[in-house]
C-alpha atoms as a PDB file:
ATOM      1  CA  MET A   1     110.263  88.886 112.741  1.00  0.00           C
ATOM      2  CA  VAL A   2     107.539  88.854 110.067  1.00  0.00           C
ATOM      3  CA  PRO A   3     104.647  88.422 112.552  1.00  0.00           C
ATOM      4  CA  PHE A   4     105.845  91.479 114.481  1.00  0.00           C
ATOM      5  CA  LEU A   5     105.977  93.495 111.258  1.00  0.00           C
ATOM      6  CA  GLY A   6     102.449  92.353 110.370  1.00  0.00           C
ATOM      7  CA  LEU A   7     101.276  93.198 113.870  1.00  0.00           C
ATOM      8  CA  GLY A   8     102.717  96.693 113.544  1.00  0.00           C
ATOM      9  CA  VAL A   9     101.141  97.234 110.124  1.00  0.00           C
ATOM     10  CA  GLY A  10      97.760  95.964 111.343  1.00  0.00           C
ATOM     11  CA  ILE A  11      97.777  98.246 114.375  1.00  0.00           C
ATOM     12  CA  PHE A  12      98.899 101.166 112.196  1.00  0.00           C
ATOM     13  CA  LEU A  13      96.011 100.553 109.759  1.00  0.00           C
ATOM     14  CA  LEU A  14      93.511 100.400 112.610  1.00  0.00           C
ATOM     15  CA  THR A  15      94.876 103.662 114.041  1.00  0.00           C
ATOM     16  CA  LEU A  16      94.735 105.297 110.614  1.00  0.00           C
ATOM     17  CA  SER A  17      91.174 104.106 110.165  1.00  0.00           C
ATOM     18  CA  ILE A  18      90.113 105.744 113.439  1.00  0.00           C
ATOM     19  CA  TYR A  19      91.716 108.979 112.239  1.00  0.00           C
ATOM     20  CA  PHE A  20      89.909 108.804 108.881  1.00  0.00           C
ATOM     21  CA  ILE A  21      86.515 107.889 110.320  1.00  0.00           C
ATOM     22  CA  ARG A  22      86.564 110.576 113.005  1.00  0.00           C
ATOM     23  CA  SER A  23      88.144 113.257 110.806  1.00  0.00           C
ATOM     24  CA  LYS A  24      86.386 116.606 110.375  1.00  0.00           C
ATOM     25  CA  HIS A  25      86.735 116.049 106.604  1.00  0.00           C
ATOM     26  CA  ALA A  26      85.061 112.639 106.742  1.00  0.00           C
ATOM     27  CA  LEU A  27      82.389 113.464 104.167  1.00  0.00           C
ATOM     28  CA  LYS A  28      84.711 114.930 101.522  1.00  0.00           C
ATOM     29  CA  THR A  29      85.835 113.046  98.425  1.00  0.00           C
ATOM     30  CA  PRO A  30      89.506 113.998  97.989  1.00  0.00           C
ATOM     31  CA  LEU A  31      90.020 112.144  94.691  1.00  0.00           C
ATOM     32  CA  ALA A  32      86.912 113.386  92.863  1.00  0.00           C
ATOM     33  CA  GLY A  33      87.745 114.227  89.231  1.00  0.00           C
ATOM     34  CA  HIS A  34      91.138 112.496  89.130  1.00  0.00           C
ATOM     35  CA  GLY A  35      90.035 109.576  86.941  1.00  0.00           C
ATOM     36  CA  ASP A  36      89.751 111.481  83.666  1.00  0.00           C
ATOM     37  CA  SER A  37      92.959 110.176  82.043  1.00  0.00           C
ATOM     38  CA  VAL A  38      91.982 106.492  82.083  1.00  0.00           C
ATOM     39  CA  ASP A  39      90.722 106.658  78.482  1.00  0.00           C
ATOM     40  CA  THR A  40      94.277 106.853  77.120  1.00  0.00           C
ATOM     41  CA  VAL A  41      94.962 103.146  77.843  1.00  0.00           C
ATOM     42  CA  ASP A  42      95.496 101.098  74.647  1.00  0.00           C
ATOM     43  CA  SER A  43      93.787  97.865  75.706  1.00  0.00           C
ATOM     44  CA  PHE A  44      89.981  97.980  75.610  1.00  0.00           C
ATOM     45  CA  VAL A  45      89.412  95.427  78.378  1.00  0.00           C
ATOM     46  CA  LEU A  46      92.039  97.020  80.611  1.00  0.00           C
ATOM     47  CA  SER A  47      90.481 100.443  80.088  1.00  0.00           C
ATOM     48  CA  ILE A  48      87.060  99.111  81.127  1.00  0.00           C
ATOM     49  CA  ILE A  49      88.497  97.494  84.267  1.00  0.00           C
ATOM     50  CA  LEU A  50      90.480 100.623  85.127  1.00  0.00           C
ATOM     51  CA  SER A  51      87.493 102.865  84.490  1.00  0.00           C
ATOM     52  CA  ILE A  52      85.286 100.878  86.856  1.00  0.00           C
ATOM     53  CA  GLY A  53      88.017 100.745  89.499  1.00  0.00           C
ATOM     54  CA  VAL A  54      88.852 104.434  89.237  1.00  0.00           C
ATOM     55  CA  ILE A  55      85.192 105.462  89.364  1.00  0.00           C
ATOM     56  CA  LEU A  56      84.689 103.378  92.507  1.00  0.00           C
ATOM     57  CA  PHE A  57      87.950 104.490  94.130  1.00  0.00           C
ATOM     58  CA  CYS A  58      87.521 108.201  93.342  1.00  0.00           C
ATOM     59  CA  SER A  59      83.941 108.311  94.588  1.00  0.00           C
ATOM     60  CA  LEU A  60      84.878 107.180  98.107  1.00  0.00           C
ATOM     61  CA  THR A  61      84.774 109.629 100.977  1.00  0.00           C
ATOM     62  CA  VAL A  62      87.421 109.878 103.683  1.00  0.00           C
ATOM     63  CA  ARG A  63      85.147 107.890 106.002  1.00  0.00           C
ATOM     64  CA  HIS A  64      84.978 105.083 103.431  1.00  0.00           C
ATOM     65  CA  TYR A  65      88.786 105.015 103.280  1.00  0.00           C
ATOM     66  CA  GLY A  66      88.675 104.554 107.049  1.00  0.00           C
ATOM     67  CA  TYR A  67      86.371 101.563 106.669  1.00  0.00           C
ATOM     68  CA  VAL A  68      88.724 100.068 104.069  1.00  0.00           C
ATOM     69  CA  CYS A  69      91.609 100.545 106.534  1.00  0.00           C
ATOM     70  CA  VAL A  70      89.593  98.773 109.255  1.00  0.00           C
ATOM     71  CA  LEU A  71      89.009  95.800 106.957  1.00  0.00           C
ATOM     72  CA  GLY A  72      92.667  95.728 105.891  1.00  0.00           C
ATOM     73  CA  GLY A  73      93.925  96.007 109.461  1.00  0.00           C
ATOM     74  CA  LEU A  74      91.641  93.258 110.723  1.00  0.00           C
ATOM     75  CA  PHE A  75      92.606  91.017 107.809  1.00  0.00           C
ATOM     76  CA  ILE A  76      96.325  91.523 108.466  1.00  0.00           C
ATOM     77  CA  LEU A  77      95.863  90.854 112.190  1.00  0.00           C
ATOM     78  CA  TYR A  78      93.893  87.705 111.335  1.00  0.00           C
ATOM     79  CA  VAL A  79      96.667  86.465 109.026  1.00  0.00           C
ATOM     80  CA  VAL A  80      99.292  87.221 111.675  1.00  0.00           C
ATOM     81  CA  SER A  81      97.339  85.357 114.353  1.00  0.00           C
ATOM     82  CA  ALA A  82      96.832  82.394 112.021  1.00  0.00           C
ATOM     83  CA  ALA A  83     100.567  82.293 111.241  1.00  0.00           C
ATOM     84  CA  TRP A  84     101.536  82.510 114.879  1.00  0.00           C
END
């Protein structure tokens, strides 16, 4: 049952990646400016890690999200094939 679920998720991620990469909004950054509230975290080290992660994540374009989906989908399909 689990390999079929992984197969479905992998194929869904690959389909979503094709949609993101070929989208007419592929060069837009939908999350630009949403990382401003990271400075309210109490821990200094956690705030540095979150700041770096949020800056990287919010600067991605829709096409880059598609590439991340391709990598995730291929990784899940690889894990499913190795488990089968």
